[in-house]
Amino acid sequence: MEAVLNAKLFTRRLTSRRILVFYLLFALTLTLMVINLCVGSISFPLQQIFETLLNPSGSGDLNFIVWKIRLPRTLATVMGGAFLAVSGLLLQVYFRNPIVGPFILGISSGATLLVSLVMLTSLGLRLTYVTPFLTTIAGCLGAYGVMILVVAIAAKVRQGATLLIVGLMMGYLCGAVTSILTALAEKEKIKGFVLWGMGSFSGFKWVEIGILAVLGGGLVMAIFLLTKPLNAFLLGEEYAASMGVNIRRFRLFILIAASALAGLVTSMAGPVAFIGLAVPHMARLSFGTSDNRILAPGACLLGAVVTSLCDLIARMWLNPVELPISAITAFFGAPVVIGLLIKKGARM
């Protein structure tokens, strides 16, 4: 009887801790959003920021800076971090490996290849009259092109290791073509392409924010509704099948959702390293569980917090010079991955 009471007390304390972590992450997300709106090359008082947010149709420099520059960037950072974290979580469930990220399947390399075609060749000059979002469209086409190939192969291959190798090979092939284009390009074009390749959430437009919110938000909501099958899948395909999960369709859904989220963010912000790789593991440590019903929303919030913090550091560390966000996320993510490798090696 005492053991049962102690178990109930432990469960209650664990639940309270997880609720507290959720509240803390939510508060941190809002706090970082406000800080990102207030500070920059020109900083503004909090009261002025709130007054500007309540008056979107106003005029003046402050209104332009908040509504055209900082608010779109802040929202893009929050959503981008959340989507990359969920993408990484899905792939870690799929491969049952904590050291797997959303770009392991060549998604980033596919986006980079198509963007290099636009930015490093005369193709971009010929198509500029079509749309002002040419780079974003090229990144989407490249990312989703690789995704379609990977999903087509996944429909015929069951082994996760084989799929990982295919993704790596796709990444190498895309990287080889990109390197050739870079070697043949003019110096002025190379600089812009290199800056894009380092990743940045600057320059987001409201149209892109809308696309992120609708497409990415819809995918994340679908993933939240399927966390129970994800838990079953994590315990093995045979167990998931016994619970009524259509294994083939569910495997394809995981790959498509993870690749689509990563490709969407990469096409607009460039490659952002380590968020999808490290944040899911940080969420497991923070919540003390492998239950995807908790980890999926938890990874969303933690991804938003980490990415917002990294973006703030990238903007302010050497202000007015802005650092590439991937350089900052590497300082957060690399130690986590190294720790995972050491921990995994110690168990073997």
Protein backbone atom coordinates (compact mmCIF):
# COMPACT_ATOMS: atom_id res chain seq x y z
CA MET A 1 0.00 0.00 0.00
CA GLU A 2 2.81 2.38 0.89
CA ALA A 3 4.58 1.60 -2.37
CA VAL A 4 1.44 2.49 -4.33
CA LEU A 5 1.08 5.78 -2.46
CA ASN A 6 4.74 6.62 -3.08
CA ALA A 7 4.32 5.84 -6.80
CA LYS A 8 1.27 8.12 -7.01
CA LEU A 9 3.12 10.88 -5.17
CA PHE A 10 6.11 10.53 -7.52
CA THR A 11 3.84 10.65 -10.59
CA ARG A 12 2.09 13.74 -9.25
CA ARG A 13 5.37 15.51 -8.59
CA LEU A 14 6.65 14.57 -12.05
CA THR A 15 3.48 15.92 -13.66
CA SER A 16 3.75 19.16 -11.69
CA ARG A 17 7.37 19.52 -12.77
CA ARG A 18 6.48 19.08 -16.43
CA ILE A 19 3.67 21.63 -16.19
CA LEU A 20 6.11 24.04 -14.55
CA VAL A 21 8.62 23.49 -17.38
CA PHE A 22 5.90 24.19 -19.96
CA TYR A 23 4.97 27.45 -18.24
CA LEU A 24 8.63 28.43 -17.93
CA LEU A 25 9.35 27.79 -21.62
CA PHE A 26 6.22 29.69 -22.66
CA ALA A 27 7.24 32.65 -20.47
CA LEU A 28 10.79 32.54 -21.87
CA THR A 29 9.44 32.52 -25.43
CA LEU A 30 7.31 35.63 -24.81
CA THR A 31 10.17 37.36 -22.96
CA LEU A 32 12.65 36.75 -25.76
CA MET A 33 10.11 37.93 -28.34
CA VAL A 34 9.71 41.22 -26.46
CA ILE A 35 13.49 41.63 -26.07
CA ASN A 36 14.02 40.97 -29.79
CA LEU A 37 11.47 43.69 -30.57
CA CYS A 38 13.07 46.19 -28.19
CA VAL A 39 16.78 45.83 -28.87
CA GLY A 40 18.85 46.16 -32.02
CA SER A 41 21.16 48.68 -33.63
CA ILE A 42 18.60 51.16 -32.25
CA SER A 43 16.90 50.23 -28.98
CA PHE A 44 13.45 51.41 -27.91
CA PRO A 45 11.62 51.47 -24.54
CA LEU A 46 9.10 48.72 -23.90
CA GLN A 47 6.19 51.18 -23.67
CA GLN A 48 6.88 52.57 -27.13
CA ILE A 49 7.03 49.04 -28.57
CA PHE A 50 3.61 48.17 -27.11
CA GLU A 51 2.10 51.43 -28.36
CA THR A 52 3.46 50.70 -31.84
CA LEU A 53 2.11 47.14 -31.79
CA LEU A 54 -1.35 48.51 -30.95
CA ASN A 55 -1.15 50.94 -33.89
CA PRO A 56 -0.12 48.95 -37.00
CA SER A 57 -1.37 51.62 -39.40
CA GLY A 58 0.76 54.36 -37.84
CA SER A 59 3.68 56.14 -39.49
CA GLY A 60 7.21 57.01 -38.50
CA ASP A 61 10.54 55.25 -38.20
CA LEU A 62 9.59 53.22 -35.11
CA ASN A 63 6.45 51.87 -36.76
CA PHE A 64 8.44 50.86 -39.86
CA ILE A 65 11.20 49.18 -37.83
CA VAL A 66 8.77 47.21 -35.65
CA TRP A 67 6.18 46.16 -38.26
CA LYS A 68 8.42 45.73 -41.30
CA ILE A 69 11.66 44.44 -39.79
CA ARG A 70 11.63 43.25 -36.19
CA LEU A 71 8.18 41.70 -35.78
CA PRO A 72 8.39 39.53 -38.94
CA ARG A 73 11.89 38.43 -37.93
CA THR A 74 10.79 37.64 -34.36
CA LEU A 75 7.84 35.54 -35.53
CA ALA A 76 9.98 33.78 -38.14
CA THR A 77 12.58 32.93 -35.50
CA VAL A 78 9.98 31.46 -33.14
CA MET A 79 8.23 29.42 -35.84
CA GLY A 80 11.46 28.38 -37.56
CA GLY A 81 12.98 27.07 -34.32
CA ALA A 82 9.79 25.24 -33.40
CA PHE A 83 9.46 23.59 -36.83
CA LEU A 84 13.10 22.48 -36.97
CA ALA A 85 12.85 21.00 -33.48
CA VAL A 86 9.71 19.01 -34.33
CA SER A 87 11.30 17.88 -37.60
CA GLY A 88 14.32 16.57 -35.69
CA LEU A 89 12.09 14.84 -33.14
CA LEU A 90 10.18 13.01 -35.89
CA LEU A 91 13.36 11.74 -37.53
CA GLN A 92 14.82 10.62 -34.19
CA VAL A 93 11.63 8.61 -33.60
CA TYR A 94 11.78 7.22 -37.14
CA PHE A 95 15.41 6.07 -36.91
CA ARG A 96 15.25 5.42 -33.13
CA ASN A 97 18.49 7.35 -32.87
CA PRO A 98 18.99 10.58 -30.86
CA ILE A 99 21.88 11.68 -33.08
CA VAL A 100 19.82 12.34 -36.22
CA GLY A 101 18.79 15.76 -37.51
CA PRO A 102 16.40 17.05 -40.17
CA PHE A 103 19.18 17.72 -42.69
CA ILE A 104 20.61 14.20 -42.58
CA LEU A 105 18.42 13.25 -45.56
CA GLY A 106 19.93 15.88 -47.86
CA ILE A 107 17.09 18.40 -47.51
CA SER A 108 19.44 21.30 -46.79
CA SER A 109 21.74 20.33 -49.67
CA GLY A 110 18.83 20.22 -52.12
CA ALA A 111 17.70 23.68 -51.10
CA THR A 112 21.27 24.98 -51.32
CA LEU A 113 21.70 23.54 -54.83
CA LEU A 114 18.64 25.30 -56.29
CA VAL A 115 19.47 28.55 -54.51
CA SER A 116 23.01 28.39 -55.91
CA LEU A 117 21.54 28.06 -59.42
CA VAL A 118 19.59 31.26 -58.85
CA MET A 119 22.25 33.27 -57.03
CA LEU A 120 25.42 32.13 -58.80
CA THR A 121 24.28 31.93 -62.41
CA SER A 122 22.47 34.17 -64.87
CA LEU A 123 19.28 32.18 -64.26
CA GLY A 124 18.37 34.51 -61.41
CA LEU A 125 18.69 37.58 -63.62
CA ARG A 126 16.37 36.07 -66.22
CA LEU A 127 13.68 35.22 -63.68
CA THR A 128 13.70 38.30 -61.43
CA TYR A 129 10.67 39.69 -63.24
CA VAL A 130 8.67 36.62 -62.19
CA THR A 131 8.66 37.10 -58.43
CA PRO A 132 10.52 38.90 -55.61
CA PHE A 133 10.59 35.59 -53.73
CA LEU A 134 12.74 33.76 -56.25
CA THR A 135 15.33 32.54 -53.71
CA THR A 136 12.61 31.22 -51.41
CA ILE A 137 10.86 29.40 -54.25
CA ALA A 138 14.15 27.91 -55.44
CA GLY A 139 14.95 26.72 -51.93
CA CYS A 140 11.51 25.11 -51.61
CA LEU A 141 11.82 23.34 -54.96
CA GLY A 142 15.28 22.03 -54.10
CA ALA A 143 14.34 20.85 -50.63
CA TYR A 144 11.11 19.20 -51.72
CA GLY A 145 12.73 17.72 -54.82
CA VAL A 146 15.19 15.82 -52.63
CA MET A 147 12.34 14.97 -50.25
CA ILE A 148 10.33 13.36 -53.06
CA LEU A 149 13.33 11.22 -54.07
CA VAL A 150 13.96 10.15 -50.47
CA VAL A 151 10.28 9.34 -49.89
CA ALA A 152 10.14 7.35 -53.14
CA ILE A 153 13.14 5.31 -52.01
CA ALA A 154 11.67 4.94 -48.50
CA ALA A 155 8.56 3.37 -50.03
CA LYS A 156 10.75 0.51 -51.30
CA VAL A 157 13.35 0.30 -48.52
CA ARG A 158 12.59 -0.71 -44.93
CA GLN A 159 16.04 -0.37 -43.38
CA GLY A 160 16.66 3.00 -41.72
CA ALA A 161 20.43 2.71 -42.22
CA THR A 162 19.97 2.36 -45.99
CA LEU A 163 17.79 5.47 -46.04
CA LEU A 164 20.40 7.41 -44.07
CA ILE A 165 23.08 6.44 -46.57
CA VAL A 166 20.83 7.49 -49.46
CA GLY A 167 20.27 10.87 -47.78
CA LEU A 168 23.98 11.35 -47.24
CA MET A 169 24.75 10.47 -50.86
CA MET A 170 22.09 12.94 -52.07
CA GLY A 171 23.73 15.57 -49.89
CA TYR A 172 27.15 14.83 -51.37
CA LEU A 173 25.84 14.98 -54.95
CA CYS A 174 24.05 18.29 -54.38
CA GLY A 175 27.12 19.63 -52.59
CA ALA A 176 29.37 18.64 -55.50
CA VAL A 177 27.24 20.52 -58.03
CA THR A 178 27.03 23.52 -55.70
CA SER A 179 30.83 23.54 -55.35
CA ILE A 180 31.26 23.54 -59.14
CA LEU A 181 28.82 26.44 -59.52
CA THR A 182 30.63 28.35 -56.77
CA ALA A 183 34.01 27.82 -58.44
CA LEU A 184 32.66 29.21 -61.73
CA ALA A 185 30.71 32.15 -60.26
CA GLU A 186 31.70 35.80 -60.00
CA LYS A 187 33.11 37.06 -56.71
CA GLU A 188 30.21 39.45 -56.07
CA LYS A 189 27.65 36.65 -56.39
CA ILE A 190 29.66 34.27 -54.22
CA LYS A 191 29.54 36.67 -51.25
CA GLY A 192 25.74 36.82 -51.25
CA PHE A 193 25.44 33.05 -51.62
CA VAL A 194 27.88 32.38 -48.78
CA LEU A 195 25.93 34.71 -46.48
CA TRP A 196 22.68 32.89 -47.35
CA GLY A 197 24.36 29.56 -46.66
CA MET A 198 25.23 30.65 -43.12
CA GLY A 199 21.56 31.07 -42.24
CA SER A 200 19.69 34.18 -41.13
CA PHE A 201 16.14 35.15 -40.15
CA SER A 202 16.57 38.73 -41.34
CA GLY A 203 14.56 40.15 -44.22
CA PHE A 204 11.41 38.07 -43.71
CA LYS A 205 8.29 39.47 -45.37
CA TRP A 206 4.72 39.11 -44.12
CA VAL A 207 3.85 36.85 -47.05
CA GLU A 208 6.55 34.43 -45.94
CA ILE A 209 5.34 34.62 -42.35
CA GLY A 210 1.86 33.69 -43.58
CA ILE A 211 3.24 30.71 -45.52
CA LEU A 212 5.19 29.54 -42.46
CA ALA A 213 2.16 29.89 -40.19
CA VAL A 214 -0.32 28.14 -42.50
CA LEU A 215 1.78 25.32 -43.95
CA GLY A 216 4.14 24.73 -41.03
CA GLY A 217 1.46 25.29 -38.41
CA GLY A 218 -0.88 22.85 -40.15
CA LEU A 219 1.80 20.16 -40.24
CA VAL A 220 2.67 20.65 -36.57
CA MET A 221 -0.99 20.40 -35.55
CA ALA A 222 -1.28 17.14 -37.52
CA ILE A 223 1.80 15.83 -35.71
CA PHE A 224 0.31 16.76 -32.32
CA LEU A 225 -2.77 14.70 -33.17
CA LEU A 226 -0.61 11.69 -34.06
CA THR A 227 1.65 11.59 -31.00
CA LYS A 228 0.03 8.36 -29.73
CA PRO A 229 0.96 6.41 -32.92
CA LEU A 230 4.42 8.00 -32.65
CA ASN A 231 4.82 6.49 -29.19
CA ALA A 232 3.76 3.10 -30.52
CA PHE A 233 6.17 3.43 -33.46
CA LEU A 234 9.00 4.27 -31.04
CA LEU A 235 8.48 0.88 -29.35
CA GLY A 236 8.90 -0.98 -32.63
CA GLU A 237 7.06 -1.50 -35.89
CA GLU A 238 5.56 -4.83 -34.77
CA TYR A 239 4.11 -3.26 -31.64
CA ALA A 240 2.78 -0.29 -33.63
CA ALA A 241 1.15 -2.65 -36.13
CA SER A 242 -0.51 -4.54 -33.27
CA MET A 243 -1.97 -1.21 -32.11
CA GLY A 244 -3.59 -0.70 -35.51
CA VAL A 245 -1.01 1.64 -37.08
CA ASN A 246 -0.54 1.33 -40.85
CA ILE A 247 3.24 1.09 -40.77
CA ARG A 248 3.97 1.90 -44.41
CA ARG A 249 1.74 4.99 -44.50
CA PHE A 250 2.93 6.19 -41.12
CA ARG A 251 6.61 5.86 -42.08
CA LEU A 252 5.97 7.93 -45.19
CA PHE A 253 4.04 10.51 -43.17
CA ILE A 254 6.93 10.93 -40.73
CA LEU A 255 9.43 11.42 -43.56
CA ILE A 256 7.19 13.81 -45.50
CA ALA A 257 6.29 15.90 -42.43
CA ALA A 258 9.89 16.10 -41.16
CA SER A 259 11.30 16.96 -44.58
CA ALA A 260 8.53 19.46 -45.34
CA LEU A 261 9.08 21.37 -42.08
CA ALA A 262 12.86 21.43 -42.51
CA GLY A 263 12.61 22.36 -46.19
CA LEU A 264 10.15 25.17 -45.49
CA VAL A 265 12.44 26.82 -42.94
CA THR A 266 15.62 26.23 -44.96
CA SER A 267 14.16 27.72 -48.13
CA MET A 268 13.39 30.99 -46.33
CA ALA A 269 16.14 31.32 -43.71
CA GLY A 270 18.94 29.24 -45.18
CA PRO A 271 20.50 26.26 -43.37
CA VAL A 272 20.14 26.64 -39.58
CA ALA A 273 22.36 24.06 -37.91
CA PHE A 274 21.88 21.92 -34.80
CA ILE A 275 18.37 23.06 -33.76
CA GLY A 276 16.68 19.93 -35.07
CA LEU A 277 19.53 17.77 -33.84
CA ALA A 278 20.04 19.04 -30.29
CA VAL A 279 16.69 20.50 -29.16
CA PRO A 280 14.73 17.20 -29.07
CA HIS A 281 17.33 15.73 -26.73
CA MET A 282 17.28 18.89 -24.61
CA ALA A 283 13.50 18.48 -24.39
CA ARG A 284 13.88 14.88 -23.18
CA LEU A 285 16.23 16.05 -20.45
CA SER A 286 13.98 18.98 -19.49
CA PHE A 287 10.76 16.94 -19.24
CA GLY A 288 12.32 13.65 -18.15
CA THR A 289 10.31 11.55 -20.58
CA SER A 290 10.24 9.98 -24.04
CA ASP A 291 6.47 10.41 -24.36
CA ASN A 292 5.89 12.26 -27.63
CA ARG A 293 2.60 13.66 -26.34
CA ILE A 294 4.78 15.81 -24.07
CA LEU A 295 7.90 16.06 -26.21
CA ALA A 296 6.20 17.37 -29.37
CA PRO A 297 4.81 20.59 -27.82
CA GLY A 298 7.82 20.77 -25.47
CA ALA A 299 10.28 20.61 -28.37
CA CYS A 300 8.26 23.33 -30.14
CA LEU A 301 8.62 25.72 -27.20
CA LEU A 302 12.25 24.82 -26.51
CA GLY A 303 13.14 25.20 -30.20
CA ALA A 304 11.52 28.65 -30.21
CA VAL A 305 13.44 29.65 -27.06
CA VAL A 306 16.85 28.40 -28.25
CA THR A 307 16.51 29.87 -31.75
CA SER A 308 15.25 33.24 -30.45
CA LEU A 309 18.15 33.41 -28.01
CA CYS A 310 20.67 32.47 -30.71
CA ASP A 311 19.22 35.07 -33.07
CA LEU A 312 19.44 37.73 -30.35
CA ILE A 313 23.10 36.85 -29.70
CA ALA A 314 23.84 36.85 -33.44
CA ARG A 315 22.42 40.37 -33.77
CA MET A 316 23.82 41.93 -30.60
CA TRP A 317 27.15 40.24 -29.82
CA LEU A 318 29.23 42.30 -32.29
CA ASN A 319 26.59 44.94 -33.05
CA PRO A 320 26.31 46.51 -35.64
CA VAL A 321 27.89 43.46 -37.36
CA GLU A 322 25.43 40.56 -37.51
CA LEU A 323 26.81 37.07 -37.11
CA PRO A 324 25.37 34.06 -38.99
CA ILE A 325 22.89 32.25 -36.75
CA SER A 326 24.34 28.82 -37.57
CA ALA A 327 27.60 29.90 -35.94
CA ILE A 328 25.73 30.64 -32.71
CA THR A 329 23.50 27.54 -32.78
CA ALA A 330 26.65 25.44 -33.19
CA PHE A 331 27.87 26.63 -29.78
CA PHE A 332 24.61 25.35 -28.27
CA GLY A 333 24.17 22.21 -30.32
CA ALA A 334 27.70 20.83 -30.70
CA PRO A 335 28.28 20.19 -26.95
CA VAL A 336 24.92 18.38 -26.76
CA VAL A 337 25.79 16.13 -29.70
CA ILE A 338 29.27 15.43 -28.31
CA GLY A 339 27.72 14.53 -24.96
CA LEU A 340 25.31 12.16 -26.70
CA LEU A 341 28.15 10.45 -28.58
CA ILE A 342 30.19 10.02 -25.39
CA LYS A 343 27.16 8.69 -23.51
CA LYS A 344 26.28 6.30 -26.33
CA GLY A 345 29.91 5.13 -26.60
CA ALA A 346 30.08 4.48 -22.85
CA ARG A 347 27.07 2.15 -23.06
CA MET A 348 28.55 0.05 -25.87
